[in-house]
Amino acid sequence: MSGITNEPAPRPIGFEASCAVEVRAVDDETWSMLRSLGYHGKIDNFEVPIDQSTDFASVPRVFVWFLPRYGRYTKAAILHDYLWSVAVPAGRISRLDADGVFLQAMRELGVPFLRRWIMWAAVRWGALTKSDGRKDWWKEALRVLLVTLVALPIVAPAAAVILVTLPVFYLMERVVWISLALTRRVRLRQGQPAKTVNEPALRWTL
């Protein structure tokens, strides 16, 4: 006769099945959550609330070709923004553990092995810019360095080209803008209709 146990069902880990990403654009780089996003970790539960701001994956412009601002890891990136901006300052979790949750969430979302580890290493480097992020940074320093050494030969050559291309293209935009702005000014002085000319800007983020 088989025994009957009352053991609880295994704790579900990951994003709630009903979660969908719904956002409202705040500006060129920031969005606001229109719907909460729930995540069950190994120990703690987290809920990204409505109106929480996010920039999705915080990727510098020179690396966007390799890691777009959004993709399969979008929910993990939104969760990480919440952890860094709310849960960490509230003392619920350390930045080290928040980055670990980010890595785990990406795995659950099906992000490929190397890509998720590169993104994890990037946020670990970013933690050095925060005073509390430097605490215990050394605990994962070896893995961060190893992933960085693997990633550099892949991303550095293209990033260097883009680093040069962006200001060159900006200068071209500026020259065109000056000519159009002067033409517009002349047309306005002559009482003729003239379209608005949008001034370009050199941005290292999107």
N, C-alpha and C. Protein backbone atom coordinates (compact mmCIF):
# COMPACT_ATOMS: atom_id res chain seq x y z
N MET A 1 0.86 -1.20 0.00
CA MET A 1 0.00 0.00 0.00
C MET A 1 0.88 1.23 0.00
N SER A 2 0.64 2.08 -0.95
CA SER A 2 1.48 3.28 -1.06
C SER A 2 1.10 4.27 0.02
N GLY A 3 2.13 4.96 0.52
CA GLY A 3 1.88 5.94 1.55
C GLY A 3 1.38 7.25 0.96
N ILE A 4 0.66 7.98 1.77
CA ILE A 4 0.13 9.28 1.35
C ILE A 4 0.86 10.34 2.15
N THR A 5 1.50 11.25 1.47
CA THR A 5 2.23 12.31 2.16
C THR A 5 1.49 13.64 2.00
N ASN A 6 1.71 14.50 2.94
CA ASN A 6 1.10 15.83 2.91
C ASN A 6 2.13 16.90 2.58
N GLU A 7 3.18 16.50 1.87
CA GLU A 7 4.23 17.47 1.53
C GLU A 7 3.66 18.52 0.58
N PRO A 8 3.98 19.78 0.81
CA PRO A 8 3.47 20.84 -0.07
C PRO A 8 4.05 20.71 -1.47
N ALA A 9 3.32 21.22 -2.43
CA ALA A 9 3.80 21.21 -3.81
C ALA A 9 5.04 22.07 -3.92
N PRO A 10 5.96 21.71 -4.81
CA PRO A 10 7.18 22.51 -4.98
C PRO A 10 6.85 23.98 -5.24
N ARG A 11 7.62 24.84 -4.64
CA ARG A 11 7.40 26.27 -4.80
C ARG A 11 7.67 26.68 -6.24
N PRO A 12 6.69 27.32 -6.91
CA PRO A 12 6.94 27.76 -8.29
C PRO A 12 7.94 28.92 -8.32
N ILE A 13 8.87 28.85 -9.22
CA ILE A 13 9.89 29.89 -9.35
C ILE A 13 9.76 30.53 -10.72
N GLY A 14 9.81 31.84 -10.75
CA GLY A 14 9.74 32.54 -12.03
C GLY A 14 8.64 33.58 -12.04
N PHE A 15 8.41 34.14 -13.21
CA PHE A 15 7.37 35.16 -13.36
C PHE A 15 6.00 34.50 -13.38
N GLU A 16 5.03 35.20 -12.84
CA GLU A 16 3.66 34.69 -12.85
C GLU A 16 3.21 34.51 -14.30
N ALA A 17 2.50 33.41 -14.54
CA ALA A 17 2.09 33.08 -15.91
C ALA A 17 1.23 34.16 -16.53
N SER A 18 0.46 34.86 -15.71
CA SER A 18 -0.46 35.88 -16.24
C SER A 18 0.22 37.22 -16.50
N CYS A 19 1.50 37.34 -16.14
CA CYS A 19 2.20 38.62 -16.28
C CYS A 19 2.44 38.97 -17.74
N ALA A 20 2.11 40.19 -18.09
CA ALA A 20 2.39 40.71 -19.42
C ALA A 20 2.99 42.10 -19.25
N VAL A 21 3.90 42.46 -20.13
CA VAL A 21 4.56 43.75 -20.05
C VAL A 21 3.69 44.80 -20.74
N GLU A 22 3.17 45.73 -19.97
CA GLU A 22 2.40 46.84 -20.50
C GLU A 22 3.00 48.12 -19.94
N VAL A 23 3.45 49.00 -20.82
CA VAL A 23 4.16 50.21 -20.39
C VAL A 23 3.64 51.43 -21.13
N ARG A 24 3.97 52.61 -20.56
CA ARG A 24 3.67 53.90 -21.17
C ARG A 24 4.96 54.68 -21.29
N ALA A 25 5.21 55.24 -22.44
CA ALA A 25 6.45 56.01 -22.64
C ALA A 25 6.41 57.29 -21.82
N VAL A 26 7.48 57.53 -21.06
CA VAL A 26 7.61 58.76 -20.28
C VAL A 26 8.47 59.77 -21.03
N ASP A 27 9.59 59.30 -21.56
CA ASP A 27 10.45 60.11 -22.40
C ASP A 27 11.18 59.18 -23.37
N ASP A 28 12.25 59.68 -23.99
CA ASP A 28 12.95 58.87 -24.99
C ASP A 28 13.58 57.61 -24.42
N GLU A 29 13.85 57.60 -23.12
CA GLU A 29 14.60 56.49 -22.54
C GLU A 29 13.89 55.78 -21.39
N THR A 30 12.73 56.28 -20.99
CA THR A 30 12.07 55.76 -19.79
C THR A 30 10.62 55.42 -20.07
N TRP A 31 10.20 54.30 -19.47
CA TRP A 31 8.81 53.87 -19.57
C TRP A 31 8.26 53.65 -18.18
N SER A 32 6.93 53.71 -18.06
CA SER A 32 6.26 53.51 -16.78
C SER A 32 5.33 52.29 -16.89
N MET A 33 5.33 51.47 -15.86
CA MET A 33 4.55 50.24 -15.88
C MET A 33 3.06 50.54 -15.76
N LEU A 34 2.27 49.94 -16.65
CA LEU A 34 0.82 50.06 -16.60
C LEU A 34 0.19 48.84 -15.93
N ARG A 35 1.00 47.83 -15.70
CA ARG A 35 0.53 46.59 -15.10
C ARG A 35 1.64 46.02 -14.22
N SER A 36 1.29 45.51 -13.06
CA SER A 36 2.31 44.97 -12.16
C SER A 36 2.92 43.69 -12.73
N LEU A 37 4.11 43.40 -12.26
CA LEU A 37 4.86 42.24 -12.75
C LEU A 37 5.34 41.44 -11.55
N GLY A 38 4.80 40.24 -11.37
CA GLY A 38 5.14 39.44 -10.20
C GLY A 38 6.21 38.40 -10.50
N TYR A 39 7.11 38.22 -9.54
CA TYR A 39 8.20 37.24 -9.70
C TYR A 39 8.38 36.47 -8.41
N HIS A 40 8.46 35.15 -8.51
CA HIS A 40 8.70 34.29 -7.36
C HIS A 40 10.15 33.80 -7.42
N GLY A 41 10.95 34.23 -6.46
CA GLY A 41 12.33 33.78 -6.39
C GLY A 41 12.45 32.51 -5.56
N LYS A 42 13.66 32.06 -5.35
CA LYS A 42 13.87 30.85 -4.55
C LYS A 42 13.46 31.06 -3.10
N ILE A 43 13.60 32.30 -2.64
CA ILE A 43 13.26 32.61 -1.24
C ILE A 43 12.19 33.69 -1.17
N ASP A 44 12.41 34.79 -1.85
CA ASP A 44 11.52 35.94 -1.75
C ASP A 44 10.64 36.10 -2.99
N ASN A 45 9.52 36.78 -2.78
CA ASN A 45 8.65 37.18 -3.87
C ASN A 45 8.83 38.68 -4.11
N PHE A 46 8.78 39.08 -5.35
CA PHE A 46 8.90 40.50 -5.70
C PHE A 46 7.77 40.88 -6.65
N GLU A 47 7.31 42.08 -6.52
CA GLU A 47 6.28 42.57 -7.43
C GLU A 47 6.65 43.97 -7.91
N VAL A 48 6.86 44.09 -9.19
CA VAL A 48 7.12 45.40 -9.79
C VAL A 48 5.77 46.09 -9.89
N PRO A 49 5.57 47.21 -9.20
CA PRO A 49 4.23 47.81 -9.14
C PRO A 49 3.91 48.67 -10.37
N ILE A 50 2.64 48.97 -10.48
CA ILE A 50 2.19 49.92 -11.50
C ILE A 50 2.88 51.26 -11.25
N ASP A 51 3.24 51.96 -12.31
CA ASP A 51 3.93 53.27 -12.29
C ASP A 51 5.42 53.16 -12.00
N GLN A 52 5.93 51.95 -11.78
CA GLN A 52 7.38 51.80 -11.63
C GLN A 52 8.06 52.16 -12.95
N SER A 53 9.12 52.93 -12.89
CA SER A 53 9.82 53.33 -14.11
C SER A 53 10.87 52.30 -14.50
N THR A 54 11.15 52.20 -15.78
CA THR A 54 12.16 51.28 -16.29
C THR A 54 12.72 51.82 -17.59
N ASP A 55 13.95 51.46 -17.88
CA ASP A 55 14.52 51.76 -19.21
C ASP A 55 14.83 50.46 -19.92
N PHE A 56 14.16 49.37 -19.47
CA PHE A 56 14.41 48.03 -19.97
C PHE A 56 15.89 47.68 -19.70
N ALA A 57 16.59 47.12 -20.65
CA ALA A 57 18.00 46.80 -20.42
C ALA A 57 18.84 48.06 -20.61
N SER A 58 19.60 48.43 -19.58
CA SER A 58 20.39 49.66 -19.63
C SER A 58 21.68 49.42 -20.41
N VAL A 59 21.55 49.43 -21.72
CA VAL A 59 22.69 49.11 -22.59
C VAL A 59 23.20 50.38 -23.26
N PRO A 60 24.49 50.72 -23.10
CA PRO A 60 25.05 51.87 -23.82
C PRO A 60 24.86 51.72 -25.32
N ARG A 61 24.75 52.84 -26.00
CA ARG A 61 24.41 52.82 -27.42
C ARG A 61 25.42 52.03 -28.26
N VAL A 62 26.68 52.04 -27.86
CA VAL A 62 27.69 51.35 -28.66
C VAL A 62 27.56 49.84 -28.59
N PHE A 63 26.74 49.34 -27.66
CA PHE A 63 26.57 47.89 -27.53
C PHE A 63 25.17 47.42 -27.90
N VAL A 64 24.30 48.34 -28.30
CA VAL A 64 22.91 47.98 -28.59
C VAL A 64 22.80 46.99 -29.74
N TRP A 65 23.75 47.03 -30.67
CA TRP A 65 23.74 46.07 -31.79
C TRP A 65 23.86 44.63 -31.28
N PHE A 66 24.52 44.48 -30.13
CA PHE A 66 24.78 43.16 -29.57
C PHE A 66 23.73 42.76 -28.55
N LEU A 67 23.34 43.72 -27.72
CA LEU A 67 22.32 43.49 -26.70
C LEU A 67 21.26 44.58 -26.82
N PRO A 68 20.20 44.34 -27.57
CA PRO A 68 19.13 45.34 -27.71
C PRO A 68 18.53 45.69 -26.36
N ARG A 69 17.89 46.85 -26.30
CA ARG A 69 17.30 47.28 -25.04
C ARG A 69 16.19 46.37 -24.56
N TYR A 70 15.55 45.65 -25.47
CA TYR A 70 14.50 44.72 -25.05
C TYR A 70 14.59 43.46 -25.90
N GLY A 71 14.06 42.39 -25.35
CA GLY A 71 14.12 41.10 -26.02
C GLY A 71 13.55 40.04 -25.12
N ARG A 72 14.07 38.84 -25.21
CA ARG A 72 13.59 37.74 -24.38
C ARG A 72 13.80 38.02 -22.90
N TYR A 73 14.74 38.88 -22.58
CA TYR A 73 15.09 39.20 -21.19
C TYR A 73 14.37 40.43 -20.65
N THR A 74 13.37 40.95 -21.38
CA THR A 74 12.73 42.21 -20.98
C THR A 74 12.17 42.16 -19.56
N LYS A 75 11.44 41.11 -19.22
CA LYS A 75 10.87 41.02 -17.87
C LYS A 75 11.96 41.01 -16.81
N ALA A 76 13.04 40.31 -17.07
CA ALA A 76 14.15 40.27 -16.12
C ALA A 76 14.78 41.65 -15.96
N ALA A 77 14.88 42.40 -17.06
CA ALA A 77 15.46 43.74 -17.00
C ALA A 77 14.57 44.68 -16.20
N ILE A 78 13.25 44.57 -16.39
CA ILE A 78 12.32 45.41 -15.63
C ILE A 78 12.41 45.07 -14.14
N LEU A 79 12.46 43.77 -13.84
CA LEU A 79 12.60 43.34 -12.45
C LEU A 79 13.89 43.88 -11.85
N HIS A 80 14.98 43.82 -12.61
CA HIS A 80 16.27 44.30 -12.10
C HIS A 80 16.23 45.81 -11.84
N ASP A 81 15.58 46.57 -12.71
CA ASP A 81 15.43 48.01 -12.47
C ASP A 81 14.71 48.25 -11.15
N TYR A 82 13.66 47.48 -10.91
CA TYR A 82 12.90 47.62 -9.66
C TYR A 82 13.77 47.25 -8.46
N LEU A 83 14.49 46.16 -8.56
CA LEU A 83 15.32 45.74 -7.44
C LEU A 83 16.36 46.79 -7.10
N TRP A 84 17.01 47.32 -8.11
CA TRP A 84 18.07 48.30 -7.88
C TRP A 84 17.52 49.62 -7.34
N SER A 85 16.36 50.04 -7.84
CA SER A 85 15.84 51.36 -7.47
C SER A 85 14.95 51.36 -6.24
N VAL A 86 14.37 50.20 -5.90
CA VAL A 86 13.42 50.15 -4.77
C VAL A 86 13.84 49.13 -3.71
N ALA A 87 13.99 47.87 -4.10
CA ALA A 87 14.24 46.81 -3.12
C ALA A 87 15.59 46.95 -2.44
N VAL A 88 16.63 47.33 -3.20
CA VAL A 88 17.97 47.50 -2.60
C VAL A 88 17.99 48.66 -1.62
N PRO A 89 17.52 49.88 -2.01
CA PRO A 89 17.51 50.97 -1.04
C PRO A 89 16.66 50.68 0.20
N ALA A 90 15.63 49.84 0.02
CA ALA A 90 14.77 49.50 1.16
C ALA A 90 15.40 48.45 2.07
N GLY A 91 16.54 47.90 1.66
CA GLY A 91 17.23 46.91 2.47
C GLY A 91 16.67 45.51 2.34
N ARG A 92 15.81 45.27 1.35
CA ARG A 92 15.22 43.94 1.16
C ARG A 92 16.23 42.95 0.55
N ILE A 93 17.18 43.49 -0.20
CA ILE A 93 18.11 42.64 -0.93
C ILE A 93 19.36 43.45 -1.23
N SER A 94 20.50 42.79 -1.34
CA SER A 94 21.74 43.49 -1.70
C SER A 94 21.84 43.59 -3.22
N ARG A 95 22.71 44.46 -3.68
CA ARG A 95 22.90 44.56 -5.13
C ARG A 95 23.50 43.27 -5.69
N LEU A 96 24.35 42.65 -4.91
CA LEU A 96 24.92 41.37 -5.34
C LEU A 96 23.83 40.33 -5.56
N ASP A 97 22.92 40.22 -4.61
CA ASP A 97 21.83 39.26 -4.73
C ASP A 97 20.83 39.68 -5.81
N ALA A 98 20.61 40.98 -5.95
CA ALA A 98 19.70 41.47 -6.99
C ALA A 98 20.21 41.08 -8.37
N ASP A 99 21.51 41.17 -8.56
CA ASP A 99 22.10 40.77 -9.84
C ASP A 99 21.99 39.26 -10.03
N GLY A 100 22.07 38.52 -8.93
CA GLY A 100 21.88 37.08 -9.00
C GLY A 100 20.45 36.72 -9.41
N VAL A 101 19.48 37.45 -8.88
CA VAL A 101 18.08 37.25 -9.27
C VAL A 101 17.90 37.56 -10.75
N PHE A 102 18.55 38.60 -11.22
CA PHE A 102 18.52 38.98 -12.64
C PHE A 102 19.02 37.82 -13.50
N LEU A 103 20.13 37.24 -13.11
CA LEU A 103 20.70 36.12 -13.86
C LEU A 103 19.76 34.92 -13.86
N GLN A 104 19.20 34.61 -12.69
CA GLN A 104 18.27 33.49 -12.57
C GLN A 104 17.02 33.72 -13.42
N ALA A 105 16.49 34.95 -13.37
CA ALA A 105 15.28 35.26 -14.13
C ALA A 105 15.52 35.14 -15.63
N MET A 106 16.70 35.54 -16.09
CA MET A 106 17.01 35.40 -17.51
C MET A 106 17.07 33.93 -17.92
N ARG A 107 17.62 33.10 -17.04
CA ARG A 107 17.68 31.67 -17.35
C ARG A 107 16.27 31.11 -17.49
N GLU A 108 15.39 31.50 -16.58
CA GLU A 108 14.01 31.01 -16.62
C GLU A 108 13.26 31.50 -17.86
N LEU A 109 13.68 32.65 -18.39
CA LEU A 109 13.04 33.19 -19.58
C LEU A 109 13.62 32.60 -20.87
N GLY A 110 14.61 31.75 -20.73
CA GLY A 110 15.19 31.11 -21.91
C GLY A 110 16.27 31.89 -22.61
N VAL A 111 16.88 32.86 -21.91
CA VAL A 111 17.98 33.61 -22.50
C VAL A 111 19.20 32.70 -22.62
N PRO A 112 19.84 32.63 -23.77
CA PRO A 112 21.00 31.74 -23.96
C PRO A 112 22.10 31.98 -22.93
N PHE A 113 22.84 30.93 -22.65
CA PHE A 113 23.84 30.91 -21.59
C PHE A 113 24.82 32.09 -21.65
N LEU A 114 25.54 32.24 -22.76
CA LEU A 114 26.58 33.26 -22.83
C LEU A 114 25.99 34.67 -22.76
N ARG A 115 24.87 34.87 -23.42
CA ARG A 115 24.26 36.20 -23.43
C ARG A 115 23.85 36.63 -22.02
N ARG A 116 23.24 35.72 -21.28
CA ARG A 116 22.79 36.12 -19.94
C ARG A 116 23.97 36.35 -19.00
N TRP A 117 25.04 35.58 -19.16
CA TRP A 117 26.20 35.80 -18.30
C TRP A 117 26.91 37.10 -18.64
N ILE A 118 26.92 37.48 -19.90
CA ILE A 118 27.51 38.76 -20.29
C ILE A 118 26.69 39.90 -19.70
N MET A 119 25.37 39.78 -19.76
CA MET A 119 24.51 40.83 -19.19
C MET A 119 24.69 40.89 -17.67
N TRP A 120 24.83 39.74 -17.05
CA TRP A 120 25.07 39.72 -15.60
C TRP A 120 26.39 40.40 -15.27
N ALA A 121 27.44 40.10 -16.02
CA ALA A 121 28.74 40.72 -15.76
C ALA A 121 28.66 42.23 -15.95
N ALA A 122 27.87 42.67 -16.92
CA ALA A 122 27.74 44.11 -17.16
C ALA A 122 27.11 44.82 -15.97
N VAL A 123 26.06 44.23 -15.38
CA VAL A 123 25.45 44.88 -14.22
C VAL A 123 26.35 44.78 -12.99
N ARG A 124 27.17 43.74 -12.93
CA ARG A 124 28.14 43.65 -11.84
C ARG A 124 29.17 44.76 -11.94
N TRP A 125 29.63 45.07 -13.16
CA TRP A 125 30.53 46.21 -13.34
C TRP A 125 29.81 47.50 -12.97
N GLY A 126 28.53 47.59 -13.35
CA GLY A 126 27.76 48.78 -13.02
C GLY A 126 27.60 48.98 -11.53
N ALA A 127 27.61 47.91 -10.77
CA ALA A 127 27.47 48.01 -9.31
C ALA A 127 28.62 48.78 -8.69
N LEU A 128 29.76 48.78 -9.36
CA LEU A 128 30.92 49.51 -8.82
C LEU A 128 30.68 51.02 -8.78
N THR A 129 29.71 51.50 -9.52
CA THR A 129 29.40 52.94 -9.51
C THR A 129 28.53 53.32 -8.32
N LYS A 130 28.07 52.32 -7.57
CA LYS A 130 27.23 52.56 -6.39
C LYS A 130 28.03 52.25 -5.13
N SER A 131 27.90 53.10 -4.13
CA SER A 131 28.67 52.89 -2.91
C SER A 131 28.32 51.56 -2.25
N ASP A 132 27.03 51.22 -2.21
CA ASP A 132 26.66 49.94 -1.61
C ASP A 132 26.92 48.77 -2.56
N GLY A 133 27.08 49.07 -3.84
CA GLY A 133 27.37 48.02 -4.82
C GLY A 133 28.78 47.50 -4.73
N ARG A 134 29.67 48.30 -4.16
CA ARG A 134 31.07 47.87 -4.03
C ARG A 134 31.25 46.89 -2.86
N LYS A 135 30.24 46.84 -1.98
CA LYS A 135 30.30 45.91 -0.86
C LYS A 135 30.18 44.47 -1.38
N ASP A 136 31.11 43.65 -1.01
CA ASP A 136 31.14 42.23 -1.40
C ASP A 136 31.29 42.02 -2.90
N TRP A 137 31.70 43.06 -3.63
CA TRP A 137 31.86 42.91 -5.08
C TRP A 137 32.89 41.83 -5.40
N TRP A 138 33.88 41.73 -4.57
CA TRP A 138 34.97 40.78 -4.80
C TRP A 138 34.50 39.32 -4.82
N LYS A 139 33.33 39.06 -4.20
CA LYS A 139 32.85 37.68 -4.13
C LYS A 139 32.58 37.07 -5.51
N GLU A 140 32.21 37.91 -6.46
CA GLU A 140 31.94 37.42 -7.82
C GLU A 140 32.96 37.98 -8.82
N ALA A 141 34.02 38.60 -8.29
CA ALA A 141 34.99 39.26 -9.17
C ALA A 141 35.62 38.30 -10.18
N LEU A 142 35.95 37.11 -9.76
CA LEU A 142 36.61 36.17 -10.67
C LEU A 142 35.70 35.81 -11.84
N ARG A 143 34.44 35.50 -11.54
CA ARG A 143 33.52 35.16 -12.62
C ARG A 143 33.26 36.35 -13.53
N VAL A 144 33.18 37.54 -12.95
CA VAL A 144 32.98 38.75 -13.75
C VAL A 144 34.15 38.94 -14.71
N LEU A 145 35.36 38.77 -14.22
CA LEU A 145 36.55 38.94 -15.05
C LEU A 145 36.61 37.88 -16.15
N LEU A 146 36.27 36.64 -15.83
CA LEU A 146 36.30 35.58 -16.82
C LEU A 146 35.29 35.84 -17.94
N VAL A 147 34.07 36.23 -17.57
CA VAL A 147 33.05 36.52 -18.58
C VAL A 147 33.47 37.72 -19.42
N THR A 148 34.05 38.71 -18.79
CA THR A 148 34.49 39.91 -19.50
C THR A 148 35.58 39.57 -20.52
N LEU A 149 36.51 38.71 -20.13
CA LEU A 149 37.58 38.31 -21.05
C LEU A 149 37.03 37.54 -22.25
N VAL A 150 35.98 36.79 -22.03
CA VAL A 150 35.35 36.07 -23.14
C VAL A 150 34.60 37.04 -24.06
N ALA A 151 33.93 38.04 -23.46
CA ALA A 151 33.09 38.95 -24.22
C ALA A 151 33.87 40.00 -25.00
N LEU A 152 34.97 40.46 -24.45
CA LEU A 152 35.71 41.57 -25.06
C LEU A 152 36.10 41.32 -26.52
N PRO A 153 36.68 40.19 -26.87
CA PRO A 153 37.04 39.97 -28.28
C PRO A 153 35.83 39.96 -29.22
N ILE A 154 34.67 39.67 -28.67
CA ILE A 154 33.46 39.62 -29.48
C ILE A 154 32.90 41.02 -29.72
N VAL A 155 32.81 41.82 -28.66
CA VAL A 155 32.10 43.10 -28.75
C VAL A 155 33.00 44.31 -28.95
N ALA A 156 34.26 44.22 -28.51
CA ALA A 156 35.13 45.39 -28.55
C ALA A 156 35.39 45.93 -29.96
N PRO A 157 35.71 45.11 -30.97
CA PRO A 157 35.99 45.66 -32.30
C PRO A 157 34.83 46.45 -32.89
N ALA A 158 33.62 45.87 -32.84
CA ALA A 158 32.46 46.57 -33.39
C ALA A 158 32.13 47.81 -32.56
N ALA A 159 32.27 47.72 -31.24
CA ALA A 159 31.99 48.87 -30.38
C ALA A 159 32.94 50.03 -30.68
N ALA A 160 34.20 49.71 -30.97
CA ALA A 160 35.18 50.76 -31.30
C ALA A 160 34.79 51.48 -32.59
N VAL A 161 34.31 50.72 -33.58
CA VAL A 161 33.87 51.34 -34.84
C VAL A 161 32.68 52.25 -34.60
N ILE A 162 31.72 51.77 -33.81
CA ILE A 162 30.53 52.57 -33.52
C ILE A 162 30.89 53.80 -32.72
N LEU A 163 31.86 53.67 -31.82
CA LEU A 163 32.30 54.80 -31.00
C LEU A 163 32.82 55.95 -31.87
N VAL A 164 33.44 55.60 -32.99
CA VAL A 164 33.92 56.61 -33.93
C VAL A 164 32.80 57.09 -34.84
N THR A 165 31.94 56.17 -35.26
CA THR A 165 30.89 56.48 -36.21
C THR A 165 29.85 57.44 -35.64
N LEU A 166 29.49 57.27 -34.38
CA LEU A 166 28.45 58.10 -33.79
C LEU A 166 28.77 59.60 -33.85
N PRO A 167 29.95 60.05 -33.40
CA PRO A 167 30.24 61.48 -33.51
C PRO A 167 30.38 61.96 -34.94
N VAL A 168 30.88 61.10 -35.85
CA VAL A 168 30.98 61.49 -37.25
C VAL A 168 29.59 61.73 -37.84
N PHE A 169 28.68 60.81 -37.56
CA PHE A 169 27.31 60.98 -38.06
C PHE A 169 26.65 62.19 -37.42
N TYR A 170 26.95 62.45 -36.14
CA TYR A 170 26.39 63.64 -35.48
C TYR A 170 26.86 64.91 -36.18
N LEU A 171 28.15 64.97 -36.54
CA LEU A 171 28.66 66.15 -37.24
C LEU A 171 27.97 66.35 -38.58
N MET A 172 27.70 65.24 -39.28
CA MET A 172 26.97 65.33 -40.55
C MET A 172 25.56 65.85 -40.31
N GLU A 173 24.90 65.34 -39.28
CA GLU A 173 23.56 65.82 -38.95
C GLU A 173 23.59 67.31 -38.60
N ARG A 174 24.61 67.73 -37.88
CA ARG A 174 24.73 69.13 -37.48
C ARG A 174 24.90 70.04 -38.68
N VAL A 175 25.72 69.61 -39.64
CA VAL A 175 25.92 70.42 -40.86
C VAL A 175 24.61 70.57 -41.63
N VAL A 176 23.90 69.44 -41.78
CA VAL A 176 22.62 69.50 -42.48
C VAL A 176 21.63 70.37 -41.72
N TRP A 177 21.63 70.26 -40.41
CA TRP A 177 20.70 71.04 -39.58
C TRP A 177 20.97 72.54 -39.73
N ILE A 178 22.24 72.91 -39.71
CA ILE A 178 22.59 74.33 -39.84
C ILE A 178 22.06 74.89 -41.16
N SER A 179 22.27 74.14 -42.24
CA SER A 179 21.80 74.63 -43.55
C SER A 179 20.28 74.74 -43.60
N LEU A 180 19.60 73.76 -43.04
CA LEU A 180 18.14 73.80 -43.01
C LEU A 180 17.62 74.91 -42.10
N ALA A 181 18.30 75.13 -40.97
CA ALA A 181 17.88 76.18 -40.05
C ALA A 181 18.05 77.56 -40.67
N LEU A 182 19.15 77.73 -41.41
CA LEU A 182 19.36 79.02 -42.08
C LEU A 182 18.31 79.25 -43.16
N THR A 183 18.01 78.20 -43.91
CA THR A 183 16.97 78.31 -44.94
C THR A 183 15.62 78.65 -44.31
N ARG A 184 15.31 78.01 -43.20
CA ARG A 184 14.05 78.29 -42.52
C ARG A 184 13.99 79.73 -42.06
N ARG A 185 15.10 80.24 -41.52
CA ARG A 185 15.13 81.62 -41.05
C ARG A 185 14.88 82.60 -42.19
N VAL A 186 15.49 82.33 -43.34
CA VAL A 186 15.29 83.20 -44.50
C VAL A 186 13.83 83.18 -44.94
N ARG A 187 13.24 82.00 -45.00
CA ARG A 187 11.85 81.87 -45.42
C ARG A 187 10.90 82.60 -44.47
N LEU A 188 11.18 82.51 -43.18
CA LEU A 188 10.34 83.20 -42.20
C LEU A 188 10.45 84.70 -42.35
N ARG A 189 11.67 85.20 -42.61
CA ARG A 189 11.85 86.65 -42.80
C ARG A 189 11.12 87.14 -44.04
N GLN A 190 10.99 86.26 -45.02
CA GLN A 190 10.29 86.62 -46.26
C GLN A 190 8.80 86.39 -46.15
N GLY A 191 8.35 85.96 -44.98
CA GLY A 191 6.93 85.73 -44.78
C GLY A 191 6.42 84.45 -45.40
N GLN A 192 7.32 83.55 -45.72
CA GLN A 192 6.93 82.28 -46.33
C GLN A 192 6.82 81.19 -45.26
N PRO A 193 5.96 80.21 -45.49
CA PRO A 193 5.83 79.11 -44.52
C PRO A 193 7.13 78.30 -44.47
N ALA A 194 7.48 77.80 -43.29
CA ALA A 194 8.71 77.02 -43.12
C ALA A 194 8.48 75.94 -42.08
N LYS A 195 8.96 74.74 -42.39
CA LYS A 195 8.81 73.61 -41.47
C LYS A 195 9.79 73.73 -40.31
N THR A 196 9.39 73.18 -39.19
CA THR A 196 10.28 73.13 -38.03
C THR A 196 11.47 72.22 -38.33
N VAL A 197 12.65 72.65 -37.89
CA VAL A 197 13.86 71.86 -38.10
C VAL A 197 14.30 71.32 -36.73
N ASN A 198 14.32 69.99 -36.61
CA ASN A 198 14.69 69.37 -35.33
C ASN A 198 16.20 69.31 -35.17
N GLU A 199 16.67 69.85 -34.05
CA GLU A 199 18.11 69.89 -33.81
C GLU A 199 18.63 68.52 -33.36
N PRO A 200 19.70 68.04 -33.96
CA PRO A 200 20.27 66.74 -33.55
C PRO A 200 21.01 66.84 -32.23
N ALA A 201 21.23 65.69 -31.61
CA ALA A 201 21.98 65.63 -30.36
C ALA A 201 22.84 64.38 -30.35
N LEU A 202 24.01 64.51 -29.78
CA LEU A 202 24.91 63.35 -29.67
C LEU A 202 24.60 62.64 -28.37
N ARG A 203 24.07 61.43 -28.45
CA ARG A 203 23.69 60.67 -27.26
C ARG A 203 24.43 59.33 -27.24
N TRP A 204 24.90 58.99 -26.06
CA TRP A 204 25.58 57.71 -25.91
C TRP A 204 24.63 56.64 -25.40
N THR A 205 23.38 57.06 -25.09
CA THR A 205 22.31 56.12 -24.81
C THR A 205 21.21 56.39 -25.81
N LEU A 206 20.23 55.49 -25.89
CA LEU A 206 19.16 55.66 -26.85
C LEU A 206 18.28 56.84 -26.46
